[in-house]
mmCIF file of all heavy atoms, coordinates in Angstrom:
data_MODEL
# 
_entry.id   MODEL 
# 
loop_
_atom_site.group_PDB 
_atom_site.id 
_atom_site.type_symbol 
_atom_site.label_atom_id 
_atom_site.label_alt_id 
_atom_site.label_comp_id 
_atom_site.label_asym_id 
_atom_site.label_entity_id 
_atom_site.label_seq_id 
_atom_site.pdbx_PDB_ins_code 
_atom_site.Cartn_x 
_atom_site.Cartn_y 
_atom_site.Cartn_z 
_atom_site.occupancy 
_atom_site.B_iso_or_equiv 
_atom_site.pdbx_formal_charge 
_atom_site.auth_seq_id 
_atom_site.auth_comp_id 
_atom_site.auth_asym_id 
_atom_site.auth_atom_id 
_atom_site.pdbx_PDB_model_num 
ATOM 1   N N   . PRO A 1 1  ? -53.186 62.782 12.120 1.00 0.00 ? 1  PRO A N   1 
ATOM 2   C CA  . PRO A 1 1  ? -54.661 62.856 12.336 1.00 0.00 ? 1  PRO A CA  1 
ATOM 3   C C   . PRO A 1 1  ? -55.123 61.405 12.552 1.00 0.00 ? 1  PRO A C   1 
ATOM 4   O O   . PRO A 1 1  ? -54.428 60.418 12.245 1.00 0.00 ? 1  PRO A O   1 
ATOM 5   C CB  . PRO A 1 1  ? -55.173 63.485 11.114 1.00 0.00 ? 1  PRO A CB  1 
ATOM 6   C CG  . PRO A 1 1  ? -54.217 63.070 10.083 1.00 0.00 ? 1  PRO A CG  1 
ATOM 7   C CD  . PRO A 1 1  ? -52.827 63.053 10.723 1.00 0.00 ? 1  PRO A CD  1 
ATOM 8   N N   . PRO A 1 2  ? -56.370 61.208 13.024 1.00 0.00 ? 2  PRO A N   1 
ATOM 9   C CA  . PRO A 1 2  ? -57.064 59.911 13.151 1.00 0.00 ? 2  PRO A CA  1 
ATOM 10  C C   . PRO A 1 2  ? -57.215 59.257 11.753 1.00 0.00 ? 2  PRO A C   1 
ATOM 11  O O   . PRO A 1 2  ? -57.263 59.929 10.646 1.00 0.00 ? 2  PRO A O   1 
ATOM 12  C CB  . PRO A 1 2  ? -58.355 60.304 13.740 1.00 0.00 ? 2  PRO A CB  1 
ATOM 13  C CG  . PRO A 1 2  ? -58.287 61.567 14.282 1.00 0.00 ? 2  PRO A CG  1 
ATOM 14  C CD  . PRO A 1 2  ? -57.333 62.333 13.478 1.00 0.00 ? 2  PRO A CD  1 
ATOM 15  N N   . GLY A 1 3  ? -57.242 57.862 11.815 1.00 0.00 ? 3  GLY A N   1 
ATOM 16  C CA  . GLY A 1 3  ? -57.486 57.208 10.584 1.00 0.00 ? 3  GLY A CA  1 
ATOM 17  C C   . GLY A 1 3  ? -56.145 56.713 9.952  1.00 0.00 ? 3  GLY A C   1 
ATOM 18  O O   . GLY A 1 3  ? -55.182 56.596 10.407 1.00 0.00 ? 3  GLY A O   1 
ATOM 19  N N   . THR A 1 4  ? -56.358 56.276 8.731  1.00 0.00 ? 4  THR A N   1 
ATOM 20  C CA  . THR A 1 4  ? -55.294 55.763 7.916  1.00 0.00 ? 4  THR A CA  1 
ATOM 21  C C   . THR A 1 4  ? -55.211 56.345 6.473  1.00 0.00 ? 4  THR A C   1 
ATOM 22  O O   . THR A 1 4  ? -55.207 55.728 5.452  1.00 0.00 ? 4  THR A O   1 
ATOM 23  C CB  . THR A 1 4  ? -55.456 54.206 7.797  1.00 0.00 ? 4  THR A CB  1 
ATOM 24  O OG1 . THR A 1 4  ? -56.681 53.834 7.181  1.00 0.00 ? 4  THR A OG1 1 
ATOM 25  C CG2 . THR A 1 4  ? -55.273 53.591 9.100  1.00 0.00 ? 4  THR A CG2 1 
ATOM 26  N N   . GLY A 1 5  ? -55.394 57.639 6.502  1.00 0.00 ? 5  GLY A N   1 
ATOM 27  C CA  . GLY A 1 5  ? -55.538 58.381 5.254  1.00 0.00 ? 5  GLY A CA  1 
ATOM 28  C C   . GLY A 1 5  ? -54.284 58.956 4.573  1.00 0.00 ? 5  GLY A C   1 
ATOM 29  O O   . GLY A 1 5  ? -53.185 58.505 4.888  1.00 0.00 ? 5  GLY A O   1 
ATOM 30  N N   . ASP A 1 6  ? -54.519 59.982 3.761  1.00 0.00 ? 6  ASP A N   1 
ATOM 31  C CA  . ASP A 1 6  ? -53.429 60.575 2.974  1.00 0.00 ? 6  ASP A CA  1 
ATOM 32  C C   . ASP A 1 6  ? -52.144 61.085 3.727  1.00 0.00 ? 6  ASP A C   1 
ATOM 33  O O   . ASP A 1 6  ? -51.109 60.815 3.340  1.00 0.00 ? 6  ASP A O   1 
ATOM 34  C CB  . ASP A 1 6  ? -53.927 61.752 2.166  1.00 0.00 ? 6  ASP A CB  1 
ATOM 35  C CG  . ASP A 1 6  ? -54.724 61.390 0.936  1.00 0.00 ? 6  ASP A CG  1 
ATOM 36  O OD1 . ASP A 1 6  ? -54.619 60.245 0.572  1.00 0.00 ? 6  ASP A OD1 1 
ATOM 37  O OD2 . ASP A 1 6  ? -55.513 62.288 0.448  1.00 0.00 ? 6  ASP A OD2 1 
ATOM 38  N N   . GLU A 1 7  ? -52.425 61.664 4.911  1.00 0.00 ? 7  GLU A N   1 
ATOM 39  C CA  . GLU A 1 7  ? -51.385 62.283 5.691  1.00 0.00 ? 7  GLU A CA  1 
ATOM 40  C C   . GLU A 1 7  ? -50.346 61.212 6.058  1.00 0.00 ? 7  GLU A C   1 
ATOM 41  O O   . GLU A 1 7  ? -49.198 61.320 6.007  1.00 0.00 ? 7  GLU A O   1 
ATOM 42  C CB  . GLU A 1 7  ? -51.858 63.074 6.855  1.00 0.00 ? 7  GLU A CB  1 
ATOM 43  C CG  . GLU A 1 7  ? -52.759 64.235 6.569  1.00 0.00 ? 7  GLU A CG  1 
ATOM 44  C CD  . GLU A 1 7  ? -54.201 63.923 6.554  1.00 0.00 ? 7  GLU A CD  1 
ATOM 45  O OE1 . GLU A 1 7  ? -54.550 62.807 6.122  1.00 0.00 ? 7  GLU A OE1 1 
ATOM 46  O OE2 . GLU A 1 7  ? -55.051 64.852 6.818  1.00 0.00 ? 7  GLU A OE2 1 
ATOM 47  N N   . ILE A 1 8  ? -50.938 60.076 6.601  1.00 0.00 ? 8  ILE A N   1 
ATOM 48  C CA  . ILE A 1 8  ? -50.165 58.981 7.123  1.00 0.00 ? 8  ILE A CA  1 
ATOM 49  C C   . ILE A 1 8  ? -49.404 58.347 6.012  1.00 0.00 ? 8  ILE A C   1 
ATOM 50  O O   . ILE A 1 8  ? -48.260 58.067 6.158  1.00 0.00 ? 8  ILE A O   1 
ATOM 51  C CB  . ILE A 1 8  ? -51.033 57.965 7.861  1.00 0.00 ? 8  ILE A CB  1 
ATOM 52  C CG1 . ILE A 1 8  ? -51.744 58.718 9.015  1.00 0.00 ? 8  ILE A CG1 1 
ATOM 53  C CG2 . ILE A 1 8  ? -50.144 56.860 8.440  1.00 0.00 ? 8  ILE A CG2 1 
ATOM 54  C CD1 . ILE A 1 8  ? -52.743 57.860 9.781  1.00 0.00 ? 8  ILE A CD1 1 
ATOM 55  N N   . LEU A 1 9  ? -50.103 58.092 4.910  1.00 0.00 ? 9  LEU A N   1 
ATOM 56  C CA  . LEU A 1 9  ? -49.388 57.460 3.797  1.00 0.00 ? 9  LEU A CA  1 
ATOM 57  C C   . LEU A 1 9  ? -48.345 58.307 3.156  1.00 0.00 ? 9  LEU A C   1 
ATOM 58  O O   . LEU A 1 9  ? -47.222 57.740 2.842  1.00 0.00 ? 9  LEU A O   1 
ATOM 59  C CB  . LEU A 1 9  ? -50.552 57.140 2.677  1.00 0.00 ? 9  LEU A CB  1 
ATOM 60  C CG  . LEU A 1 9  ? -50.104 56.254 1.456  1.00 0.00 ? 9  LEU A CG  1 
ATOM 61  C CD1 . LEU A 1 9  ? -49.692 54.929 2.002  1.00 0.00 ? 9  LEU A CD1 1 
ATOM 62  C CD2 . LEU A 1 9  ? -51.245 56.226 0.470  1.00 0.00 ? 9  LEU A CD2 1 
ATOM 63  N N   . THR A 1 10 ? -48.542 59.616 3.163  1.00 0.00 ? 10 THR A N   1 
ATOM 64  C CA  . THR A 1 10 ? -47.571 60.495 2.705  1.00 0.00 ? 10 THR A CA  1 
ATOM 65  C C   . THR A 1 10 ? -46.270 60.478 3.402  1.00 0.00 ? 10 THR A C   1 
ATOM 66  O O   . THR A 1 10 ? -45.042 60.255 2.858  1.00 0.00 ? 10 THR A O   1 
ATOM 67  C CB  . THR A 1 10 ? -48.033 61.979 2.633  1.00 0.00 ? 10 THR A CB  1 
ATOM 68  O OG1 . THR A 1 10 ? -49.115 62.128 1.780  1.00 0.00 ? 10 THR A OG1 1 
ATOM 69  C CG2 . THR A 1 10 ? -46.869 62.969 2.216  1.00 0.00 ? 10 THR A CG2 1 
ATOM 70  N N   . VAL A 1 11 ? -46.401 60.463 4.742  1.00 0.00 ? 11 VAL A N   1 
ATOM 71  C CA  . VAL A 1 11 ? -45.255 60.420 5.627  1.00 0.00 ? 11 VAL A CA  1 
ATOM 72  C C   . VAL A 1 11 ? -44.446 59.136 5.613  1.00 0.00 ? 11 VAL A C   1 
ATOM 73  O O   . VAL A 1 11 ? -43.270 59.050 5.536  1.00 0.00 ? 11 VAL A O   1 
ATOM 74  C CB  . VAL A 1 11 ? -45.545 60.910 7.048  1.00 0.00 ? 11 VAL A CB  1 
ATOM 75  C CG1 . VAL A 1 11 ? -44.328 60.778 8.031  1.00 0.00 ? 11 VAL A CG1 1 
ATOM 76  C CG2 . VAL A 1 11 ? -46.044 62.289 7.085  1.00 0.00 ? 11 VAL A CG2 1 
ATOM 77  N N   . THR A 1 12 ? -45.222 58.059 5.692  1.00 0.00 ? 12 THR A N   1 
ATOM 78  C CA  . THR A 1 12 ? -44.700 56.749 5.743  1.00 0.00 ? 12 THR A CA  1 
ATOM 79  C C   . THR A 1 12 ? -43.979 56.379 4.486  1.00 0.00 ? 12 THR A C   1 
ATOM 80  O O   . THR A 1 12 ? -43.008 55.565 4.433  1.00 0.00 ? 12 THR A O   1 
ATOM 81  C CB  . THR A 1 12 ? -45.697 55.695 6.091  1.00 0.00 ? 12 THR A CB  1 
ATOM 82  O OG1 . THR A 1 12 ? -46.837 55.787 5.233  1.00 0.00 ? 12 THR A OG1 1 
ATOM 83  C CG2 . THR A 1 12 ? -46.136 55.793 7.548  1.00 0.00 ? 12 THR A CG2 1 
ATOM 84  N N   . GLN A 1 13 ? -44.360 56.977 3.350  1.00 0.00 ? 13 GLN A N   1 
ATOM 85  C CA  . GLN A 1 13 ? -43.713 56.758 2.049  1.00 0.00 ? 13 GLN A CA  1 
ATOM 86  C C   . GLN A 1 13 ? -42.622 57.681 1.835  1.00 0.00 ? 13 GLN A C   1 
ATOM 87  O O   . GLN A 1 13 ? -41.731 57.378 1.017  1.00 0.00 ? 13 GLN A O   1 
ATOM 88  C CB  . GLN A 1 13 ? -44.858 56.856 0.857  1.00 0.00 ? 13 GLN A CB  1 
ATOM 89  C CG  . GLN A 1 13 ? -45.764 55.731 0.908  1.00 0.00 ? 13 GLN A CG  1 
ATOM 90  C CD  . GLN A 1 13 ? -46.761 55.871 -0.369 1.00 0.00 ? 13 GLN A CD  1 
ATOM 91  O OE1 . GLN A 1 13 ? -47.102 56.951 -0.692 1.00 0.00 ? 13 GLN A OE1 1 
ATOM 92  N NE2 . GLN A 1 13 ? -47.298 54.745 -0.782 1.00 0.00 ? 13 GLN A NE2 1 
ATOM 93  N N   . THR A 1 14 ? -42.537 58.722 2.633  1.00 0.00 ? 14 THR A N   1 
ATOM 94  C CA  . THR A 1 14 ? -41.472 59.694 2.407  1.00 0.00 ? 14 THR A CA  1 
ATOM 95  C C   . THR A 1 14 ? -40.310 59.523 3.421  1.00 0.00 ? 14 THR A C   1 
ATOM 96  O O   . THR A 1 14 ? -39.172 59.700 3.010  1.00 0.00 ? 14 THR A O   1 
ATOM 97  C CB  . THR A 1 14 ? -42.052 61.095 2.556  1.00 0.00 ? 14 THR A CB  1 
ATOM 98  O OG1 . THR A 1 14 ? -43.041 61.328 1.679  1.00 0.00 ? 14 THR A OG1 1 
ATOM 99  C CG2 . THR A 1 14 ? -40.944 62.216 2.226  1.00 0.00 ? 14 THR A CG2 1 
ATOM 100 N N   . LEU A 1 15 ? -40.635 59.117 4.562  1.00 0.00 ? 15 LEU A N   1 
ATOM 101 C CA  . LEU A 1 15 ? -39.564 59.006 5.664  1.00 0.00 ? 15 LEU A CA  1 
ATOM 102 C C   . LEU A 1 15 ? -39.477 57.510 5.940  1.00 0.00 ? 15 LEU A C   1 
ATOM 103 O O   . LEU A 1 15 ? -40.295 56.684 5.852  1.00 0.00 ? 15 LEU A O   1 
ATOM 104 C CB  . LEU A 1 15 ? -40.061 59.696 6.937  1.00 0.00 ? 15 LEU A CB  1 
ATOM 105 C CG  . LEU A 1 15 ? -40.230 61.208 6.986  1.00 0.00 ? 15 LEU A CG  1 
ATOM 106 C CD1 . LEU A 1 15 ? -40.626 61.625 8.378  1.00 0.00 ? 15 LEU A CD1 1 
ATOM 107 C CD2 . LEU A 1 15 ? -39.054 61.872 6.467  1.00 0.00 ? 15 LEU A CD2 1 
ATOM 108 N N   . GLN A 1 16 ? -38.247 57.179 6.409  1.00 0.00 ? 16 GLN A N   1 
ATOM 109 C CA  . GLN A 1 16 ? -37.908 55.842 6.927  1.00 0.00 ? 16 GLN A CA  1 
ATOM 110 C C   . GLN A 1 16 ? -38.142 55.889 8.370  1.00 0.00 ? 16 GLN A C   1 
ATOM 111 O O   . GLN A 1 16 ? -37.265 56.078 9.218  1.00 0.00 ? 16 GLN A O   1 
ATOM 112 C CB  . GLN A 1 16 ? -36.503 55.496 6.670  1.00 0.00 ? 16 GLN A CB  1 
ATOM 113 C CG  . GLN A 1 16 ? -36.235 55.092 5.238  1.00 0.00 ? 16 GLN A CG  1 
ATOM 114 C CD  . GLN A 1 16 ? -35.973 56.406 4.235  1.00 0.00 ? 16 GLN A CD  1 
ATOM 115 O OE1 . GLN A 1 16 ? -35.129 57.162 4.517  1.00 0.00 ? 16 GLN A OE1 1 
ATOM 116 N NE2 . GLN A 1 16 ? -36.836 56.469 3.231  1.00 0.00 ? 16 GLN A NE2 1 
ATOM 117 N N   . LEU A 1 17 ? -39.364 55.515 8.876  1.00 0.00 ? 17 LEU A N   1 
ATOM 118 C CA  . LEU A 1 17 ? -39.829 55.631 10.200 1.00 0.00 ? 17 LEU A CA  1 
ATOM 119 C C   . LEU A 1 17 ? -39.078 54.523 11.019 1.00 0.00 ? 17 LEU A C   1 
ATOM 120 O O   . LEU A 1 17 ? -38.870 53.419 10.510 1.00 0.00 ? 17 LEU A O   1 
ATOM 121 C CB  . LEU A 1 17 ? -41.305 55.469 10.292 1.00 0.00 ? 17 LEU A CB  1 
ATOM 122 C CG  . LEU A 1 17 ? -42.261 56.624 9.876  1.00 0.00 ? 17 LEU A CG  1 
ATOM 123 C CD1 . LEU A 1 17 ? -43.674 56.206 10.096 1.00 0.00 ? 17 LEU A CD1 1 
ATOM 124 C CD2 . LEU A 1 17 ? -41.934 57.882 10.686 1.00 0.00 ? 17 LEU A CD2 1 
ATOM 125 N N   . ASP A 1 18 ? -38.721 54.903 12.254 1.00 0.00 ? 18 ASP A N   1 
ATOM 126 C CA  . ASP A 1 18 ? -38.051 53.886 13.096 1.00 0.00 ? 18 ASP A CA  1 
ATOM 127 C C   . ASP A 1 18 ? -39.070 53.246 14.064 1.00 0.00 ? 18 ASP A C   1 
ATOM 128 O O   . ASP A 1 18 ? -38.890 52.114 14.522 1.00 0.00 ? 18 ASP A O   1 
ATOM 129 C CB  . ASP A 1 18 ? -36.996 54.475 13.921 1.00 0.00 ? 18 ASP A CB  1 
ATOM 130 C CG  . ASP A 1 18 ? -35.873 55.119 13.062 1.00 0.00 ? 18 ASP A CG  1 
ATOM 131 O OD1 . ASP A 1 18 ? -35.091 54.297 12.627 1.00 0.00 ? 18 ASP A OD1 1 
ATOM 132 O OD2 . ASP A 1 18 ? -35.738 56.361 12.987 1.00 0.00 ? 18 ASP A OD2 1 
ATOM 133 N N   . ALA A 1 19 ? -40.155 53.984 14.302 1.00 0.00 ? 19 ALA A N   1 
ATOM 134 C CA  . ALA A 1 19 ? -41.158 53.429 15.250 1.00 0.00 ? 19 ALA A CA  1 
ATOM 135 C C   . ALA A 1 19 ? -42.448 54.066 15.038 1.00 0.00 ? 19 ALA A C   1 
ATOM 136 O O   . ALA A 1 19 ? -42.657 55.223 14.448 1.00 0.00 ? 19 ALA A O   1 
ATOM 137 C CB  . ALA A 1 19 ? -40.699 53.660 16.719 1.00 0.00 ? 19 ALA A CB  1 
ATOM 138 N N   . ALA A 1 20 ? -43.586 53.351 15.384 1.00 0.00 ? 20 ALA A N   1 
ATOM 139 C CA  . ALA A 1 20 ? -44.920 53.858 15.362 1.00 0.00 ? 20 ALA A CA  1 
ATOM 140 C C   . ALA A 1 20 ? -45.619 53.561 16.708 1.00 0.00 ? 20 ALA A C   1 
ATOM 141 O O   . ALA A 1 20 ? -45.569 52.422 17.207 1.00 0.00 ? 20 ALA A O   1 
ATOM 142 C CB  . ALA A 1 20 ? -45.780 53.309 14.227 1.00 0.00 ? 20 ALA A CB  1 
ATOM 143 N N   . ILE A 1 21 ? -46.062 54.652 17.379 1.00 0.00 ? 21 ILE A N   1 
ATOM 144 C CA  . ILE A 1 21 ? -46.777 54.436 18.667 1.00 0.00 ? 21 ILE A CA  1 
ATOM 145 C C   . ILE A 1 21 ? -48.268 54.581 18.387 1.00 0.00 ? 21 ILE A C   1 
ATOM 146 O O   . ILE A 1 21 ? -48.731 55.595 17.920 1.00 0.00 ? 21 ILE A O   1 
ATOM 147 C CB  . ILE A 1 21 ? -46.314 55.514 19.637 1.00 0.00 ? 21 ILE A CB  1 
ATOM 148 C CG1 . ILE A 1 21 ? -44.761 55.526 19.791 1.00 0.00 ? 21 ILE A CG1 1 
ATOM 149 C CG2 . ILE A 1 21 ? -47.039 55.343 20.992 1.00 0.00 ? 21 ILE A CG2 1 
ATOM 150 C CD1 . ILE A 1 21 ? -44.186 54.270 20.234 1.00 0.00 ? 21 ILE A CD1 1 
ATOM 151 N N   . ILE A 1 22 ? -48.976 53.514 18.605 1.00 0.00 ? 22 ILE A N   1 
ATOM 152 C CA  . ILE A 1 22 ? -50.403 53.488 18.364 1.00 0.00 ? 22 ILE A CA  1 
ATOM 153 C C   . ILE A 1 22 ? -51.184 53.716 19.637 1.00 0.00 ? 22 ILE A C   1 
ATOM 154 O O   . ILE A 1 22 ? -50.940 53.023 20.608 1.00 0.00 ? 22 ILE A O   1 
ATOM 155 C CB  . ILE A 1 22 ? -50.864 52.052 17.758 1.00 0.00 ? 22 ILE A CB  1 
ATOM 156 C CG1 . ILE A 1 22 ? -49.826 51.595 16.658 1.00 0.00 ? 22 ILE A CG1 1 
ATOM 157 C CG2 . ILE A 1 22 ? -52.246 52.195 17.262 1.00 0.00 ? 22 ILE A CG2 1 
ATOM 158 C CD1 . ILE A 1 22 ? -49.847 52.462 15.464 1.00 0.00 ? 22 ILE A CD1 1 
ATOM 159 N N   . VAL A 1 23 ? -52.063 54.748 19.668 1.00 0.00 ? 23 VAL A N   1 
ATOM 160 C CA  . VAL A 1 23 ? -52.697 55.110 20.883 1.00 0.00 ? 23 VAL A CA  1 
ATOM 161 C C   . VAL A 1 23 ? -54.119 54.581 20.785 1.00 0.00 ? 23 VAL A C   1 
ATOM 162 O O   . VAL A 1 23 ? -54.812 54.834 19.913 1.00 0.00 ? 23 VAL A O   1 
ATOM 163 C CB  . VAL A 1 23 ? -52.764 56.666 21.076 1.00 0.00 ? 23 VAL A CB  1 
ATOM 164 C CG1 . VAL A 1 23 ? -53.420 57.043 22.380 1.00 0.00 ? 23 VAL A CG1 1 
ATOM 165 C CG2 . VAL A 1 23 ? -51.313 57.189 21.038 1.00 0.00 ? 23 VAL A CG2 1 
ATOM 166 N N   . THR A 1 24 ? -54.537 53.952 21.949 1.00 0.00 ? 24 THR A N   1 
ATOM 167 C CA  . THR A 1 24 ? -55.874 53.399 22.140 1.00 0.00 ? 24 THR A CA  1 
ATOM 168 C C   . THR A 1 24 ? -56.387 53.777 23.420 1.00 0.00 ? 24 THR A C   1 
ATOM 169 O O   . THR A 1 24 ? -55.713 54.475 24.227 1.00 0.00 ? 24 THR A O   1 
ATOM 170 C CB  . THR A 1 24 ? -55.930 51.874 21.821 1.00 0.00 ? 24 THR A CB  1 
ATOM 171 O OG1 . THR A 1 24 ? -57.301 51.548 21.705 1.00 0.00 ? 24 THR A OG1 1 
ATOM 172 C CG2 . THR A 1 24 ? -55.266 51.089 22.967 1.00 0.00 ? 24 THR A CG2 1 
# 
């Protein structure tokens, strides 16, 4: 979802992400 809230924090702390695509 938009922003930098709970959903994003949950996933980034749970998974070892390889990449992040930031859309503007």
